[in-house]
Structures are given as structure tokens and as C-alpha cells.
Amino acid sequence: MQTYTAVVHEAAAGRSVFGVLAVLVGGLVITGALIWAVRLGIKVRGRESRPPRPGEQPTRPQSGSTHESWERREADEVPRAADRSERLTPHELRPSGTKRSEDQTRPRWDSR
């Protein structure tokens, strides 16, 4: 970058017409590229869908705000194959590694 800057300064500092024209053309090329980029951005934004109006925004359900559910889970054991040489296929396994616990009481740190 320093080399390029030095060349530009030398070209601009010299009394030659070529140096001045090189700096002028370089500036025009950069300006043209920036104008093209802005126009392209405007064109792309014009093709995008418009943002939703206030009446189209998502609203809360009629029943009120939703709350997270809490449940206690425990490990779900992998089923054993009938024979040791038999393999279990994916459809024979359960979809999750946990299941709902029978005891849903909330665990406490101290049992007073």
C-alpha cells in the first residue's frame, strides 16, 4: 500500500501531464465503482419483499402469553437385542435418549 501511495504522490508531484491524468483517472474509476455499488444495492433492495406493517406483526395468542413447561426427565435405556449377534436398526431405537420421569416432584438441595 505504501508503494502505491508513493507512486501516486510522485505522479501528482511531477510536472508531467501523464501523472496528473493518472491520478484523475484513478479517482474517476473509484468514484464510478462506488456509484455503481450504491445503485446495485438500491436495485437489490427494491427486489426484496417489504417489511411487515404494524398490523401484520405477530401478536400474542388470545389465551395470553405462553410460559415454558417444566418436567423431570430420566435416562431411557437402549433396548437389548434378543440375540448378541443381532443388530438393532435405527427404527427399533427410540427417538430420544430420555423419557418423562414417573416422579415429577421438584428436587431440593436440602430436605428439611
N, C-alpha and C. Protein backbone atom coordinates (compact mmCIF):
# COMPACT_ATOMS: atom_id res chain seq x y z
N MET A 1 0.83 -1.19 0.00
CA MET A 1 0.00 0.00 0.00
C MET A 1 0.87 1.24 0.00
N GLN A 2 1.99 1.20 0.74
CA GLN A 2 2.86 2.37 0.79
C GLN A 2 3.49 2.63 -0.58
N THR A 3 3.81 1.56 -1.29
CA THR A 3 4.40 1.73 -2.61
C THR A 3 3.43 2.40 -3.56
N TYR A 4 2.19 1.96 -3.54
CA TYR A 4 1.16 2.55 -4.39
C TYR A 4 0.97 4.02 -4.05
N THR A 5 0.93 4.34 -2.75
CA THR A 5 0.75 5.72 -2.31
C THR A 5 1.93 6.58 -2.76
N ALA A 6 3.14 6.02 -2.65
CA ALA A 6 4.33 6.77 -3.07
C ALA A 6 4.29 7.04 -4.57
N VAL A 7 3.86 6.06 -5.35
CA VAL A 7 3.77 6.25 -6.80
C VAL A 7 2.75 7.33 -7.13
N VAL A 8 1.63 7.31 -6.45
CA VAL A 8 0.59 8.31 -6.70
C VAL A 8 1.09 9.69 -6.35
N HIS A 9 1.78 9.81 -5.20
CA HIS A 9 2.30 11.12 -4.80
C HIS A 9 3.36 11.61 -5.77
N GLU A 10 4.22 10.72 -6.21
CA GLU A 10 5.26 11.11 -7.18
C GLU A 10 4.63 11.54 -8.51
N ALA A 11 3.60 10.79 -8.90
CA ALA A 11 2.94 11.13 -10.16
C ALA A 11 2.23 12.47 -10.05
N ALA A 12 1.63 12.74 -8.90
CA ALA A 12 0.92 14.00 -8.71
C ALA A 12 1.89 15.16 -8.52
N ALA A 13 3.05 14.88 -7.92
CA ALA A 13 4.01 15.95 -7.66
C ALA A 13 4.78 16.34 -8.91
N GLY A 14 4.92 15.42 -9.82
CA GLY A 14 5.67 15.72 -11.05
C GLY A 14 4.92 16.69 -11.93
N ARG A 15 5.68 17.34 -12.82
CA ARG A 15 5.06 18.33 -13.70
C ARG A 15 4.52 17.69 -14.98
N SER A 16 4.60 16.38 -15.03
CA SER A 16 4.14 15.74 -16.25
C SER A 16 2.62 15.65 -16.27
N VAL A 17 2.07 15.78 -17.42
CA VAL A 17 0.62 15.70 -17.61
C VAL A 17 0.15 14.28 -17.37
N PHE A 18 1.00 13.30 -17.69
CA PHE A 18 0.63 11.90 -17.51
C PHE A 18 0.36 11.59 -16.04
N GLY A 19 1.15 12.12 -15.14
CA GLY A 19 0.97 11.88 -13.71
C GLY A 19 -0.34 12.43 -13.20
N VAL A 20 -0.65 13.62 -13.60
CA VAL A 20 -1.90 14.24 -13.17
C VAL A 20 -3.09 13.49 -13.75
N LEU A 21 -3.00 13.09 -15.01
CA LEU A 21 -4.09 12.33 -15.62
C LEU A 21 -4.27 10.97 -14.96
N ALA A 22 -3.16 10.32 -14.56
CA ALA A 22 -3.26 9.01 -13.90
C ALA A 22 -4.02 9.12 -12.58
N VAL A 23 -3.71 10.15 -11.81
CA VAL A 23 -4.42 10.35 -10.53
C VAL A 23 -5.88 10.69 -10.79
N LEU A 24 -6.15 11.53 -11.77
CA LEU A 24 -7.52 11.92 -12.09
C LEU A 24 -8.34 10.72 -12.57
N VAL A 25 -7.77 9.91 -13.46
CA VAL A 25 -8.48 8.73 -13.96
C VAL A 25 -8.70 7.72 -12.83
N GLY A 26 -7.69 7.54 -11.98
CA GLY A 26 -7.86 6.63 -10.83
C GLY A 26 -9.00 7.07 -9.92
N GLY A 27 -9.09 8.35 -9.66
CA GLY A 27 -10.18 8.87 -8.83
C GLY A 27 -11.53 8.69 -9.48
N LEU A 28 -11.59 8.90 -10.80
CA LEU A 28 -12.86 8.71 -11.50
C LEU A 28 -13.28 7.24 -11.52
N VAL A 29 -12.32 6.34 -11.65
CA VAL A 29 -12.65 4.91 -11.63
C VAL A 29 -13.20 4.51 -10.26
N ILE A 30 -12.56 4.97 -9.20
CA ILE A 30 -13.04 4.65 -7.85
C ILE A 30 -14.41 5.25 -7.61
N THR A 31 -14.62 6.50 -8.03
CA THR A 31 -15.93 7.15 -7.88
C THR A 31 -17.01 6.40 -8.66
N GLY A 32 -16.68 6.01 -9.89
CA GLY A 32 -17.64 5.25 -10.69
C GLY A 32 -17.98 3.90 -10.05
N ALA A 33 -16.98 3.23 -9.48
CA ALA A 33 -17.23 1.93 -8.83
C ALA A 33 -18.14 2.12 -7.61
N LEU A 34 -17.93 3.17 -6.85
CA LEU A 34 -18.79 3.42 -5.69
C LEU A 34 -20.22 3.75 -6.10
N ILE A 35 -20.37 4.56 -7.13
CA ILE A 35 -21.72 4.89 -7.62
C ILE A 35 -22.42 3.63 -8.12
N TRP A 36 -21.70 2.78 -8.86
CA TRP A 36 -22.28 1.53 -9.36
C TRP A 36 -22.70 0.63 -8.19
N ALA A 37 -21.88 0.54 -7.13
CA ALA A 37 -22.21 -0.31 -5.99
C ALA A 37 -23.46 0.19 -5.27
N VAL A 38 -23.59 1.51 -5.13
CA VAL A 38 -24.79 2.07 -4.47
C VAL A 38 -26.03 1.80 -5.31
N ARG A 39 -25.94 2.00 -6.62
CA ARG A 39 -27.11 1.75 -7.48
C ARG A 39 -27.49 0.28 -7.47
N LEU A 40 -26.49 -0.62 -7.47
CA LEU A 40 -26.77 -2.05 -7.39
C LEU A 40 -27.47 -2.39 -6.08
N GLY A 41 -27.01 -1.80 -4.99
CA GLY A 41 -27.65 -2.02 -3.69
C GLY A 41 -29.09 -1.56 -3.66
N ILE A 42 -29.36 -0.41 -4.28
CA ILE A 42 -30.73 0.11 -4.35
C ILE A 42 -31.60 -0.83 -5.17
N LYS A 43 -31.06 -1.34 -6.26
CA LYS A 43 -31.81 -2.25 -7.13
C LYS A 43 -32.13 -3.56 -6.40
N VAL A 44 -31.15 -4.10 -5.69
CA VAL A 44 -31.36 -5.35 -4.94
C VAL A 44 -32.39 -5.15 -3.84
N ARG A 45 -32.30 -4.03 -3.13
CA ARG A 45 -33.25 -3.75 -2.06
C ARG A 45 -34.67 -3.58 -2.61
N GLY A 46 -34.78 -3.04 -3.82
CA GLY A 46 -36.09 -2.87 -4.45
C GLY A 46 -36.75 -4.20 -4.79
N ARG A 47 -35.93 -5.24 -5.04
CA ARG A 47 -36.49 -6.56 -5.36
C ARG A 47 -36.91 -7.34 -4.11
N GLU A 48 -36.43 -6.94 -2.93
CA GLU A 48 -36.78 -7.65 -1.70
C GLU A 48 -38.22 -7.34 -1.30
N SER A 49 -38.79 -8.26 -0.51
CA SER A 49 -40.15 -8.01 -0.03
C SER A 49 -40.12 -6.90 1.02
N ARG A 50 -41.22 -6.17 1.09
CA ARG A 50 -41.28 -5.06 2.02
C ARG A 50 -41.39 -5.56 3.46
N PRO A 51 -40.98 -4.77 4.44
CA PRO A 51 -41.13 -5.19 5.83
C PRO A 51 -42.60 -5.18 6.23
N PRO A 52 -43.01 -6.00 7.19
CA PRO A 52 -44.43 -6.04 7.57
C PRO A 52 -44.87 -4.73 8.22
N ARG A 53 -46.12 -4.37 7.95
CA ARG A 53 -46.70 -3.17 8.55
C ARG A 53 -47.05 -3.48 10.01
N PRO A 54 -47.32 -2.46 10.82
CA PRO A 54 -47.63 -2.72 12.23
C PRO A 54 -48.81 -3.68 12.43
N GLY A 55 -49.80 -3.62 11.56
CA GLY A 55 -50.95 -4.52 11.70
C GLY A 55 -50.63 -5.97 11.32
N GLU A 56 -49.55 -6.17 10.59
CA GLU A 56 -49.17 -7.52 10.16
C GLU A 56 -48.15 -8.18 11.08
N GLN A 57 -47.74 -7.48 12.12
CA GLN A 57 -46.75 -8.01 13.05
C GLN A 57 -47.36 -9.17 13.86
N PRO A 58 -46.54 -10.12 14.31
CA PRO A 58 -47.06 -11.21 15.13
C PRO A 58 -47.63 -10.68 16.45
N THR A 59 -48.69 -11.32 16.91
CA THR A 59 -49.32 -10.90 18.16
C THR A 59 -49.38 -12.08 19.13
N ARG A 60 -49.64 -11.79 20.38
CA ARG A 60 -49.77 -12.84 21.39
C ARG A 60 -51.07 -13.61 21.17
N PRO A 61 -51.09 -14.87 21.58
CA PRO A 61 -52.35 -15.62 21.46
C PRO A 61 -53.44 -15.03 22.35
N GLN A 62 -54.71 -15.33 22.02
CA GLN A 62 -55.84 -14.83 22.80
C GLN A 62 -55.80 -15.33 24.23
N SER A 63 -55.20 -16.51 24.45
CA SER A 63 -55.17 -17.08 25.80
C SER A 63 -54.13 -16.42 26.69
N GLY A 64 -53.37 -15.46 26.18
CA GLY A 64 -52.35 -14.79 26.97
C GLY A 64 -50.97 -15.24 26.55
N SER A 65 -49.99 -14.75 27.29
CA SER A 65 -48.62 -15.10 26.93
C SER A 65 -48.35 -16.56 27.28
N THR A 66 -47.47 -17.15 26.54
CA THR A 66 -47.12 -18.55 26.76
C THR A 66 -45.98 -18.63 27.76
N HIS A 67 -45.96 -19.72 28.50
CA HIS A 67 -44.92 -19.94 29.51
C HIS A 67 -44.22 -21.25 29.20
N GLU A 68 -42.99 -21.35 29.66
CA GLU A 68 -42.27 -22.59 29.43
C GLU A 68 -42.80 -23.69 30.34
N SER A 69 -42.71 -24.91 29.89
CA SER A 69 -43.14 -26.03 30.70
C SER A 69 -41.93 -26.64 31.38
N TRP A 70 -42.16 -27.25 32.50
CA TRP A 70 -41.08 -27.85 33.26
C TRP A 70 -41.46 -29.30 33.54
N GLU A 71 -40.56 -30.21 33.23
CA GLU A 71 -40.79 -31.60 33.58
C GLU A 71 -39.46 -32.26 33.88
N ARG A 72 -39.53 -33.28 34.68
CA ARG A 72 -38.33 -34.01 35.05
C ARG A 72 -38.14 -35.17 34.09
N ARG A 73 -36.90 -35.33 33.58
CA ARG A 73 -36.59 -36.37 32.61
C ARG A 73 -35.61 -37.35 33.24
N GLU A 74 -35.62 -38.58 32.76
CA GLU A 74 -34.64 -39.57 33.21
C GLU A 74 -34.13 -40.33 31.99
N ALA A 75 -33.01 -40.98 32.17
CA ALA A 75 -32.38 -41.68 31.05
C ALA A 75 -33.27 -42.81 30.55
N ASP A 76 -33.30 -42.95 29.24
CA ASP A 76 -34.07 -44.02 28.61
C ASP A 76 -33.07 -45.06 28.12
N GLU A 77 -33.16 -46.24 28.67
CA GLU A 77 -32.20 -47.29 28.33
C GLU A 77 -32.39 -47.75 26.89
N VAL A 78 -31.28 -48.11 26.27
CA VAL A 78 -31.31 -48.63 24.91
C VAL A 78 -31.85 -50.06 24.97
N PRO A 79 -32.82 -50.42 24.14
CA PRO A 79 -33.34 -51.78 24.19
C PRO A 79 -32.27 -52.80 23.80
N ARG A 80 -32.32 -53.95 24.44
CA ARG A 80 -31.35 -55.02 24.17
C ARG A 80 -31.85 -55.87 23.01
N ALA A 81 -30.92 -56.31 22.21
CA ALA A 81 -31.26 -57.22 21.11
C ALA A 81 -31.51 -58.61 21.69
N ALA A 82 -32.37 -59.38 21.03
CA ALA A 82 -32.69 -60.72 21.53
C ALA A 82 -31.46 -61.62 21.51
N ASP A 83 -30.69 -61.51 20.48
CA ASP A 83 -29.50 -62.34 20.34
C ASP A 83 -28.29 -61.42 20.26
N ARG A 84 -27.16 -61.82 20.82
CA ARG A 84 -25.97 -60.96 20.80
C ARG A 84 -25.48 -60.70 19.37
N SER A 85 -25.69 -61.61 18.46
CA SER A 85 -25.23 -61.41 17.09
C SER A 85 -26.19 -60.52 16.30
N GLU A 86 -27.39 -60.27 16.81
CA GLU A 86 -28.38 -59.45 16.13
C GLU A 86 -28.10 -57.97 16.39
N ARG A 87 -28.27 -57.16 15.35
CA ARG A 87 -28.09 -55.71 15.49
C ARG A 87 -29.43 -55.00 15.52
N LEU A 88 -29.50 -53.91 16.29
CA LEU A 88 -30.70 -53.07 16.28
C LEU A 88 -30.59 -52.06 15.14
N THR A 89 -31.67 -51.87 14.44
CA THR A 89 -31.69 -50.89 13.35
C THR A 89 -32.24 -49.56 13.90
N PRO A 90 -32.03 -48.46 13.21
CA PRO A 90 -32.46 -47.16 13.73
C PRO A 90 -33.95 -47.07 14.04
N HIS A 91 -34.79 -47.73 13.26
CA HIS A 91 -36.22 -47.62 13.54
C HIS A 91 -36.63 -48.42 14.77
N GLU A 92 -35.77 -49.27 15.29
CA GLU A 92 -36.06 -50.00 16.53
C GLU A 92 -35.65 -49.22 17.76
N LEU A 93 -34.89 -48.16 17.58
CA LEU A 93 -34.47 -47.33 18.71
C LEU A 93 -35.51 -46.24 18.95
N ARG A 94 -35.50 -45.70 20.16
CA ARG A 94 -36.43 -44.62 20.49
C ARG A 94 -35.85 -43.29 19.99
N PRO A 95 -36.70 -42.31 19.72
CA PRO A 95 -36.21 -41.06 19.13
C PRO A 95 -35.39 -40.18 20.07
N SER A 96 -35.49 -40.39 21.37
CA SER A 96 -34.79 -39.53 22.31
C SER A 96 -34.02 -40.37 23.32
N GLY A 97 -33.00 -39.80 23.90
CA GLY A 97 -32.22 -40.52 24.91
C GLY A 97 -32.80 -40.40 26.29
N THR A 98 -33.91 -39.66 26.44
CA THR A 98 -34.55 -39.51 27.75
C THR A 98 -36.04 -39.77 27.64
N LYS A 99 -36.65 -39.99 28.77
CA LYS A 99 -38.10 -40.17 28.83
C LYS A 99 -38.64 -39.42 30.03
N ARG A 100 -39.94 -39.20 30.07
CA ARG A 100 -40.56 -38.47 31.18
C ARG A 100 -40.48 -39.33 32.44
N SER A 101 -40.07 -38.73 33.52
CA SER A 101 -39.92 -39.45 34.77
C SER A 101 -41.28 -39.69 35.42
N GLU A 102 -41.39 -40.79 36.12
CA GLU A 102 -42.63 -41.08 36.86
C GLU A 102 -42.79 -40.10 38.02
N ASP A 103 -41.70 -39.76 38.69
CA ASP A 103 -41.72 -38.85 39.83
C ASP A 103 -41.47 -37.43 39.32
N GLN A 104 -42.49 -36.59 39.34
CA GLN A 104 -42.37 -35.22 38.83
C GLN A 104 -42.18 -34.19 39.94
N THR A 105 -41.87 -34.62 41.17
CA THR A 105 -41.61 -33.66 42.24
C THR A 105 -40.30 -32.97 41.98
N ARG A 106 -40.25 -31.72 42.36
CA ARG A 106 -39.06 -30.91 42.11
C ARG A 106 -37.98 -31.25 43.13
N PRO A 107 -36.77 -31.58 42.67
CA PRO A 107 -35.71 -31.92 43.63
C PRO A 107 -35.26 -30.67 44.39
N ARG A 108 -34.95 -30.85 45.67
CA ARG A 108 -34.47 -29.75 46.52
C ARG A 108 -33.08 -30.08 47.05
N TRP A 109 -32.31 -29.03 47.33
CA TRP A 109 -30.96 -29.25 47.82
C TRP A 109 -30.98 -29.74 49.27
N ASP A 110 -31.83 -29.17 50.06
CA ASP A 110 -31.91 -29.63 51.47
C ASP A 110 -33.29 -30.23 51.70
N SER A 111 -33.33 -31.29 52.46
CA SER A 111 -34.61 -31.99 52.71
C SER A 111 -35.06 -31.75 54.14
N ARG A 112 -35.48 -30.54 54.47
CA ARG A 112 -35.97 -30.22 55.82
C ARG A 112 -37.43 -30.46 55.93
